[in-house]
Amino acid sequence: MYINFCKEKYKVCTIVVDGYEGGSSIKDNTHRRRTGGQKGTEIRIETDMIMHSKKQQVLLNRKNKQKFINMLSEAMLKAEIHVIQAKSDADYLNVRTAVDSAESTFFCRS
């Protein structure tokens, strides 16, 4: 559904996503506060499986989040959607990508 939305709403777009392989992040304290310190169980995540667990339970585990992001990114790339994945928090990368895109659009019109 998300891929279809991106393709229909934005003919050409770049999706920037967080990553969870980069070790510590500036947002670790916020994540701990939101989860109450809970850590979810690592599960197998594959494209053809039906998930019976609650979303919150699955996303408590950083490895589960990263597996899901990898799977979604791969599907987006197959659908010809440009994906950039941060090693950890994507806030800076979001801004940098927007600025780069605006600059390249500006210079292409000149």
Protein backbone atom coordinates (compact mmCIF):
# COMPACT_ATOMS: atom_id res chain seq x y z
CA MET A 1 0.00 0.00 0.00
CA TYR A 2 2.74 2.46 0.91
CA ILE A 3 4.57 1.83 -2.36
CA ASN A 4 1.39 2.39 -4.36
CA PHE A 5 0.74 5.60 -2.44
CA CYS A 6 4.25 6.90 -3.20
CA LYS A 7 3.98 6.01 -6.89
CA GLU A 8 0.54 7.60 -7.30
CA LYS A 9 1.02 10.70 -5.16
CA TYR A 10 4.62 11.52 -6.14
CA LYS A 11 5.71 10.46 -9.61
CA VAL A 12 9.37 10.83 -8.61
CA CYS A 13 10.40 10.80 -4.96
CA THR A 14 13.15 9.92 -2.54
CA ILE A 15 12.29 8.10 0.68
CA VAL A 16 14.70 8.55 3.60
CA VAL A 17 14.44 5.99 6.40
CA ASP A 18 16.01 5.51 9.81
CA GLY A 19 18.46 2.69 10.35
CA TYR A 20 19.06 0.65 13.46
CA GLU A 21 22.49 -0.85 12.76
CA GLY A 22 24.58 2.20 13.64
CA GLY A 23 24.90 1.55 17.36
CA SER A 24 23.97 4.27 19.82
CA SER A 25 21.79 7.16 18.71
CA ILE A 26 21.03 10.56 20.13
CA LYS A 27 17.41 9.37 20.41
CA ASP A 28 18.13 6.30 22.56
CA ASN A 29 16.80 7.98 25.72
CA THR A 30 13.59 8.96 23.96
CA HIS A 31 13.14 5.40 22.65
CA ARG A 32 13.67 3.97 26.15
CA ARG A 33 11.16 6.40 27.63
CA ARG A 34 8.54 5.55 24.99
CA THR A 35 8.93 1.80 25.45
CA GLY A 36 9.21 1.88 29.21
CA GLY A 37 12.51 0.00 28.87
CA GLN A 38 10.83 -3.03 27.30
CA LYS A 39 12.67 -5.00 24.62
CA GLY A 40 10.81 -7.14 22.14
CA THR A 41 11.77 -10.61 21.00
CA GLU A 42 13.62 -10.91 17.71
CA ILE A 43 11.44 -12.60 15.12
CA ARG A 44 11.78 -13.85 11.57
CA ILE A 45 10.42 -11.31 9.09
CA GLU A 46 9.85 -12.28 5.46
CA THR A 47 7.87 -10.71 2.64
CA ASP A 48 5.37 -13.55 2.24
CA MET A 49 4.53 -14.08 5.90
CA ILE A 50 1.39 -13.00 7.71
CA MET A 51 2.16 -11.23 10.97
CA HIS A 52 0.08 -12.34 13.95
CA SER A 53 1.94 -10.25 16.53
CA LYS A 54 0.99 -6.75 17.52
CA LYS A 55 2.95 -4.01 15.75
CA GLN A 56 4.12 -2.47 19.04
CA GLN A 57 5.53 -5.79 20.24
CA VAL A 58 7.44 -6.40 17.00
CA LEU A 59 8.87 -2.88 16.84
CA LEU A 60 10.25 -2.99 20.40
CA ASN A 61 13.22 -4.90 18.97
CA ARG A 62 15.78 -2.89 16.97
CA LYS A 63 16.70 -5.89 14.81
CA ASN A 64 13.05 -6.39 13.86
CA LYS A 65 12.82 -2.73 12.87
CA GLN A 66 15.93 -3.03 10.74
CA LYS A 67 14.68 -6.21 9.04
CA PHE A 68 11.39 -4.51 8.22
CA ILE A 69 13.15 -1.41 6.88
CA ASN A 70 15.44 -3.57 4.73
CA MET A 71 12.47 -5.49 3.34
CA LEU A 72 10.48 -2.32 2.61
CA SER A 73 13.50 -0.60 1.05
CA GLU A 74 14.10 -3.56 -1.25
CA ALA A 75 10.46 -3.53 -2.38
CA MET A 76 10.64 0.23 -3.01
CA LEU A 77 13.80 -0.13 -5.08
CA LYS A 78 12.11 -2.83 -7.18
CA ALA A 79 9.24 -0.38 -7.72
CA GLU A 80 11.79 2.22 -8.89
CA ILE A 81 11.43 4.43 -5.82
CA HIS A 82 14.70 5.99 -4.68
CA VAL A 83 15.49 5.00 -1.07
CA ILE A 84 18.23 6.34 1.18
CA GLN A 85 18.78 4.55 4.47
CA ALA A 86 20.58 6.17 7.39
CA LYS A 87 22.86 4.09 9.59
CA SER A 88 20.94 5.36 12.62
CA ASP A 89 18.71 8.43 13.06
CA ALA A 90 17.66 9.94 9.70
CA ASP A 91 16.85 13.51 10.82
CA TYR A 92 20.01 15.05 9.39
CA LEU A 93 19.80 12.90 6.27
CA ASN A 94 16.20 14.04 5.70
CA VAL A 95 17.23 17.69 5.72
CA ARG A 96 20.38 17.09 3.66
CA THR A 97 18.41 15.15 1.03
CA ALA A 98 15.75 17.88 0.82
CA VAL A 99 18.38 20.60 0.40
CA ASP A 100 20.27 18.58 -2.23
CA SER A 101 17.04 17.91 -4.11
CA ALA A 102 16.02 21.57 -4.03
CA GLU A 103 19.46 22.65 -5.23
CA SER A 104 19.49 20.15 -8.11
CA THR A 105 15.95 21.14 -9.14
CA PHE A 106 16.91 24.82 -9.03
CA PHE A 107 20.03 24.28 -11.14
CA CYS A 108 18.20 22.07 -13.65
CA ARG A 109 15.73 24.87 -14.37
CA SER A 110 18.40 27.50 -15.07
